Amino acid sequence: MLWRICDESGKHLVPHDQKERVSARLRDLGLDSTCNPVKKVPLLVDGYDAEVVIDEYCGDDEDGDDNIGGVGGGGGGGARGMALGRAEKRLMSSNISHLRQELRNAELEHLRQLQVKCRLYLVCFNLFCFNFNWFLTLLDSCCAGRSKL
């Protein structure tokens, strides 16, 4: 916001009284209120699955030659290549943490499914025992009826 207030492009976007207050504070600090004290820094922004990675875009040379190095640029490194490398490492770290969480979730789901299978087997076993006991009772009653004859 400060950059926009001090830049000519923000002249019509910021209310005049707000711009005057900021200019007065800059003069209090001994800064030239006609010169923008904020350096606009280009940023590299990337992300994955709600993880945002922001890093500063830096040129290699003073003359503005921005050779890309390191990640996919084929160049010889430099500040931008290092920044891209840091951003890539952060992104990979984020990906790894998400994969670890997905693995934990899969393990918990597997344990839940095993628990459901065990309960199902227990119900089947109890049903088998009930049917078997019913069969034995029926068999005993049939045998007891024959012995009376």
C-alpha atoms as a PDB file:
ATOM      1  CA  MET A   1       0.000   0.000   0.000  1.00  0.00           C
ATOM      2  CA  LEU A   2       2.860   2.374   0.827  1.00  0.00           C
ATOM      3  CA  TRP A   3       4.404   1.743  -2.578  1.00  0.00           C
ATOM      4  CA  ARG A   4       1.078   2.511  -4.276  1.00  0.00           C
ATOM      5  CA  ILE A   5       0.651   5.732  -2.273  1.00  0.00           C
ATOM      6  CA  CYS A   6       4.142   6.984  -3.163  1.00  0.00           C
ATOM      7  CA  ASP A   7       4.016   5.940  -6.823  1.00  0.00           C
ATOM      8  CA  GLU A   8       2.469   8.096  -9.522  1.00  0.00           C
ATOM      9  CA  SER A   9       0.330   5.167 -10.675  1.00  0.00           C
ATOM     10  CA  GLY A  10      -1.518   5.282  -7.354  1.00  0.00           C
ATOM     11  CA  LYS A  11      -2.242   8.995  -7.492  1.00  0.00           C
ATOM     12  CA  HIS A  12      -5.927   8.489  -8.304  1.00  0.00           C
ATOM     13  CA  LEU A  13      -6.392   5.211  -6.414  1.00  0.00           C
ATOM     14  CA  VAL A  14      -5.623   6.473  -2.906  1.00  0.00           C
ATOM     15  CA  PRO A  15      -7.699   9.133  -1.125  1.00  0.00           C
ATOM     16  CA  HIS A  16      -5.936  12.515  -1.022  1.00  0.00           C
ATOM     17  CA  ASP A  17      -6.099  12.885   2.787  1.00  0.00           C
ATOM     18  CA  GLN A  18      -4.533   9.452   3.285  1.00  0.00           C
ATOM     19  CA  LYS A  19      -1.756  10.317   0.827  1.00  0.00           C
ATOM     20  CA  GLU A  20      -1.104  13.610   2.664  1.00  0.00           C
ATOM     21  CA  ARG A  21      -0.863  11.840   6.062  1.00  0.00           C
ATOM     22  CA  VAL A  22       1.644   9.327   4.663  1.00  0.00           C
ATOM     23  CA  SER A  23       3.672  12.106   3.008  1.00  0.00           C
ATOM     24  CA  ALA A  24       3.785  13.995   6.313  1.00  0.00           C
ATOM     25  CA  ARG A  25       5.044  10.894   8.177  1.00  0.00           C
ATOM     26  CA  LEU A  26       7.717  10.341   5.529  1.00  0.00           C
ATOM     27  CA  ARG A  27       8.891  13.957   5.908  1.00  0.00           C
ATOM     28  CA  ASP A  28       8.964  13.425   9.707  1.00  0.00           C
ATOM     29  CA  LEU A  29      11.352  10.525   9.094  1.00  0.00           C
ATOM     30  CA  GLY A  30      13.563  12.740   6.963  1.00  0.00           C
ATOM     31  CA  LEU A  31      12.627  11.021   3.709  1.00  0.00           C
ATOM     32  CA  ASP A  32      11.801  12.791   0.478  1.00  0.00           C
ATOM     33  CA  SER A  33       8.045  12.467   0.104  1.00  0.00           C
ATOM     34  CA  THR A  34       8.280  13.029  -3.666  1.00  0.00           C
ATOM     35  CA  CYS A  35      10.514   9.976  -4.123  1.00  0.00           C
ATOM     36  CA  ASN A  36       9.102   6.497  -3.573  1.00  0.00           C
ATOM     37  CA  PRO A  37      10.975   4.991  -0.571  1.00  0.00           C
ATOM     38  CA  VAL A  38       9.663   1.516  -1.292  1.00  0.00           C
ATOM     39  CA  LYS A  39      11.458  -0.699  -3.772  1.00  0.00           C
ATOM     40  CA  LYS A  40       9.081  -2.855  -5.754  1.00  0.00           C
ATOM     41  CA  VAL A  41      10.371  -6.429  -5.599  1.00  0.00           C
ATOM     42  CA  PRO A  42       9.207  -8.985  -8.138  1.00  0.00           C
ATOM     43  CA  LEU A  43       8.227 -12.270  -6.556  1.00  0.00           C
ATOM     44  CA  LEU A  44       8.089 -15.884  -7.661  1.00  0.00           C
ATOM     45  CA  VAL A  45       4.853 -17.457  -6.480  1.00  0.00           C
ATOM     46  CA  ASP A  46       4.111 -21.163  -6.664  1.00  0.00           C
ATOM     47  CA  GLY A  47       1.947 -23.564  -4.768  1.00  0.00           C
ATOM     48  CA  TYR A  48       0.571 -27.027  -4.342  1.00  0.00           C
ATOM     49  CA  ASP A  49      -2.536 -28.204  -2.529  1.00  0.00           C
ATOM     50  CA  ALA A  50      -3.187 -24.994  -0.570  1.00  0.00           C
ATOM     51  CA  GLU A  51       0.514 -24.493   0.201  1.00  0.00           C
ATOM     52  CA  VAL A  52       1.838 -21.199  -1.162  1.00  0.00           C
ATOM     53  CA  VAL A  53       5.541 -20.721  -1.815  1.00  0.00           C
ATOM     54  CA  ILE A  54       6.710 -17.130  -2.317  1.00  0.00           C
ATOM     55  CA  ASP A  55      10.313 -16.218  -3.013  1.00  0.00           C
ATOM     56  CA  GLU A  56      12.034 -13.083  -4.227  1.00  0.00           C
ATOM     57  CA  TYR A  57      12.887 -12.882  -7.914  1.00  0.00           C
ATOM     58  CA  CYS A  58      16.484 -11.682  -8.224  1.00  0.00           C
ATOM     59  CA  GLY A  59      18.430 -10.877 -11.374  1.00  0.00           C
ATOM     60  CA  ASP A  60      21.999 -12.137 -11.746  1.00  0.00           C
ATOM     61  CA  ASP A  61      23.654  -8.915 -12.882  1.00  0.00           C
ATOM     62  CA  GLU A  62      23.420  -5.217 -12.201  1.00  0.00           C
ATOM     63  CA  ASP A  63      22.568  -4.572 -15.883  1.00  0.00           C
ATOM     64  CA  GLY A  64      19.289  -6.444 -15.522  1.00  0.00           C
ATOM     65  CA  ASP A  65      20.362  -9.679 -17.211  1.00  0.00           C
ATOM     66  CA  ASP A  66      18.093 -12.273 -15.616  1.00  0.00           C
ATOM     67  CA  ASN A  67      19.525 -15.607 -16.640  1.00  0.00           C
ATOM     68  CA  ILE A  68      17.550 -18.424 -15.150  1.00  0.00           C
ATOM     69  CA  GLY A  69      19.671 -21.077 -13.564  1.00  0.00           C
ATOM     70  CA  GLY A  70      19.111 -24.173 -11.559  1.00  0.00           C
ATOM     71  CA  VAL A  71      15.524 -25.243 -12.041  1.00  0.00           C
ATOM     72  CA  GLY A  72      14.569 -25.849 -15.642  1.00  0.00           C
ATOM     73  CA  GLY A  73      16.379 -22.799 -17.000  1.00  0.00           C
ATOM     74  CA  GLY A  74      19.565 -24.367 -18.216  1.00  0.00           C
ATOM     75  CA  GLY A  75      21.553 -21.372 -16.971  1.00  0.00           C
ATOM     76  CA  GLY A  76      24.436 -21.151 -14.594  1.00  0.00           C
ATOM     77  CA  GLY A  77      22.701 -20.554 -11.295  1.00  0.00           C
ATOM     78  CA  GLY A  78      22.887 -17.085  -9.831  1.00  0.00           C
ATOM     79  CA  ALA A  79      20.549 -15.444  -7.367  1.00  0.00           C
ATOM     80  CA  ARG A  80      17.387 -16.314  -9.275  1.00  0.00           C
ATOM     81  CA  GLY A  81      18.469 -19.919  -9.674  1.00  0.00           C
ATOM     82  CA  MET A  82      19.133 -20.125  -5.927  1.00  0.00           C
ATOM     83  CA  ALA A  83      15.737 -18.545  -5.222  1.00  0.00           C
ATOM     84  CA  LEU A  84      14.061 -21.038  -7.525  1.00  0.00           C
ATOM     85  CA  GLY A  85      15.974 -23.841  -5.817  1.00  0.00           C
ATOM     86  CA  ARG A  86      14.771 -22.689  -2.393  1.00  0.00           C
ATOM     87  CA  ALA A  87      11.203 -22.437  -3.678  1.00  0.00           C
ATOM     88  CA  GLU A  88      11.463 -25.909  -5.180  1.00  0.00           C
ATOM     89  CA  LYS A  89      12.805 -27.316  -1.887  1.00  0.00           C
ATOM     90  CA  ARG A  90       9.948 -25.718   0.053  1.00  0.00           C
ATOM     91  CA  LEU A  91       7.441 -27.088  -2.423  1.00  0.00           C
ATOM     92  CA  MET A  92       8.977 -30.572  -2.239  1.00  0.00           C
ATOM     93  CA  SER A  93       8.942 -30.369   1.563  1.00  0.00           C
ATOM     94  CA  SER A  94       5.272 -29.437   1.438  1.00  0.00           C
ATOM     95  CA  ASN A  95       4.581 -32.330  -0.946  1.00  0.00           C
ATOM     96  CA  ILE A  96       6.408 -34.751   1.355  1.00  0.00           C
ATOM     97  CA  SER A  97       4.424 -33.626   4.395  1.00  0.00           C
ATOM     98  CA  HIS A  98       1.162 -34.042   2.457  1.00  0.00           C
ATOM     99  CA  LEU A  99       2.211 -37.520   1.318  1.00  0.00           C
ATOM    100  CA  ARG A 100       3.078 -38.479   4.898  1.00  0.00           C
ATOM    101  CA  GLN A 101      -0.366 -37.319   6.031  1.00  0.00           C
ATOM    102  CA  GLU A 102      -2.012 -39.302   3.222  1.00  0.00           C
ATOM    103  CA  LEU A 103      -0.014 -42.382   4.266  1.00  0.00           C
ATOM    104  CA  ARG A 104      -1.164 -41.972   7.893  1.00  0.00           C
ATOM    105  CA  ASN A 105      -4.757 -41.620   6.680  1.00  0.00           C
ATOM    106  CA  ALA A 106      -4.409 -44.758   4.535  1.00  0.00           C
ATOM    107  CA  GLU A 107      -2.976 -46.708   7.483  1.00  0.00           C
ATOM    108  CA  LEU A 108      -5.874 -45.602   9.701  1.00  0.00           C
ATOM    109  CA  GLU A 109      -8.379 -46.584   7.011  1.00  0.00           C
ATOM    110  CA  HIS A 110      -6.698 -49.990   6.682  1.00  0.00           C
ATOM    111  CA  LEU A 111      -6.935 -50.532  10.460  1.00  0.00           C
ATOM    112  CA  ARG A 112     -10.598 -49.483  10.403  1.00  0.00           C
ATOM    113  CA  GLN A 113     -11.331 -51.978   7.631  1.00  0.00           C
ATOM    114  CA  LEU A 114      -9.554 -54.744   9.579  1.00  0.00           C
ATOM    115  CA  GLN A 115     -11.657 -53.890  12.615  1.00  0.00           C
ATOM    116  CA  VAL A 116     -14.855 -54.119  10.552  1.00  0.00           C
ATOM    117  CA  LYS A 117     -13.754 -57.506   9.130  1.00  0.00           C
ATOM    118  CA  CYS A 118     -13.022 -58.830  12.621  1.00  0.00           C
ATOM    119  CA  ARG A 119     -16.457 -57.758  13.818  1.00  0.00           C
ATOM    120  CA  LEU A 120     -18.061 -59.400  10.795  1.00  0.00           C
ATOM    121  CA  TYR A 121     -16.175 -62.654  11.434  1.00  0.00           C
ATOM    122  CA  LEU A 122     -17.253 -62.551  15.077  1.00  0.00           C
ATOM    123  CA  VAL A 123     -20.901 -62.108  14.059  1.00  0.00           C
ATOM    124  CA  CYS A 124     -20.582 -65.018  11.583  1.00  0.00           C
ATOM    125  CA  PHE A 125     -18.972 -67.190  14.257  1.00  0.00           C
ATOM    126  CA  ASN A 126     -21.698 -66.355  16.779  1.00  0.00           C
ATOM    127  CA  LEU A 127     -24.364 -67.107  14.176  1.00  0.00           C
ATOM    128  CA  PHE A 128     -22.701 -70.423  13.380  1.00  0.00           C
ATOM    129  CA  CYS A 129     -22.520 -71.315  17.086  1.00  0.00           C
ATOM    130  CA  PHE A 130     -26.176 -70.358  17.559  1.00  0.00           C
ATOM    131  CA  ASN A 131     -27.234 -72.500  14.579  1.00  0.00           C
ATOM    132  CA  PHE A 132     -25.054 -75.384  15.732  1.00  0.00           C
ATOM    133  CA  ASN A 133     -26.500 -75.252  19.267  1.00  0.00           C
ATOM    134  CA  TRP A 134     -30.002 -75.069  17.795  1.00  0.00           C
ATOM    135  CA  PHE A 135     -29.219 -78.111  15.647  1.00  0.00           C
ATOM    136  CA  LEU A 136     -27.893 -80.049  18.686  1.00  0.00           C
ATOM    137  CA  THR A 137     -31.000 -79.141  20.669  1.00  0.00           C
ATOM    138  CA  LEU A 138     -33.205 -80.312  17.814  1.00  0.00           C
ATOM    139  CA  LEU A 139     -31.189 -83.513  17.486  1.00  0.00           C
ATOM    140  CA  ASP A 140     -31.448 -84.171  21.246  1.00  0.00           C
ATOM    141  CA  SER A 141     -35.211 -83.656  21.166  1.00  0.00           C
ATOM    142  CA  CYS A 142     -35.529 -86.067  18.226  1.00  0.00           C
ATOM    143  CA  CYS A 143     -33.353 -88.668  19.937  1.00  0.00           C
ATOM    144  CA  ALA A 144     -35.252 -88.263  23.186  1.00  0.00           C
ATOM    145  CA  GLY A 145     -38.528 -88.855  21.336  1.00  0.00           C
ATOM    146  CA  ARG A 146     -37.218 -92.114  19.802  1.00  0.00           C
ATOM    147  CA  SER A 147     -36.037 -93.456  23.114  1.00  0.00           C
ATOM    148  CA  LYS A 148     -39.565 -93.158  24.530  1.00  0.00           C
ATOM    149  CA  LEU A 149     -40.941 -95.334  21.778  1.00  0.00           C
END
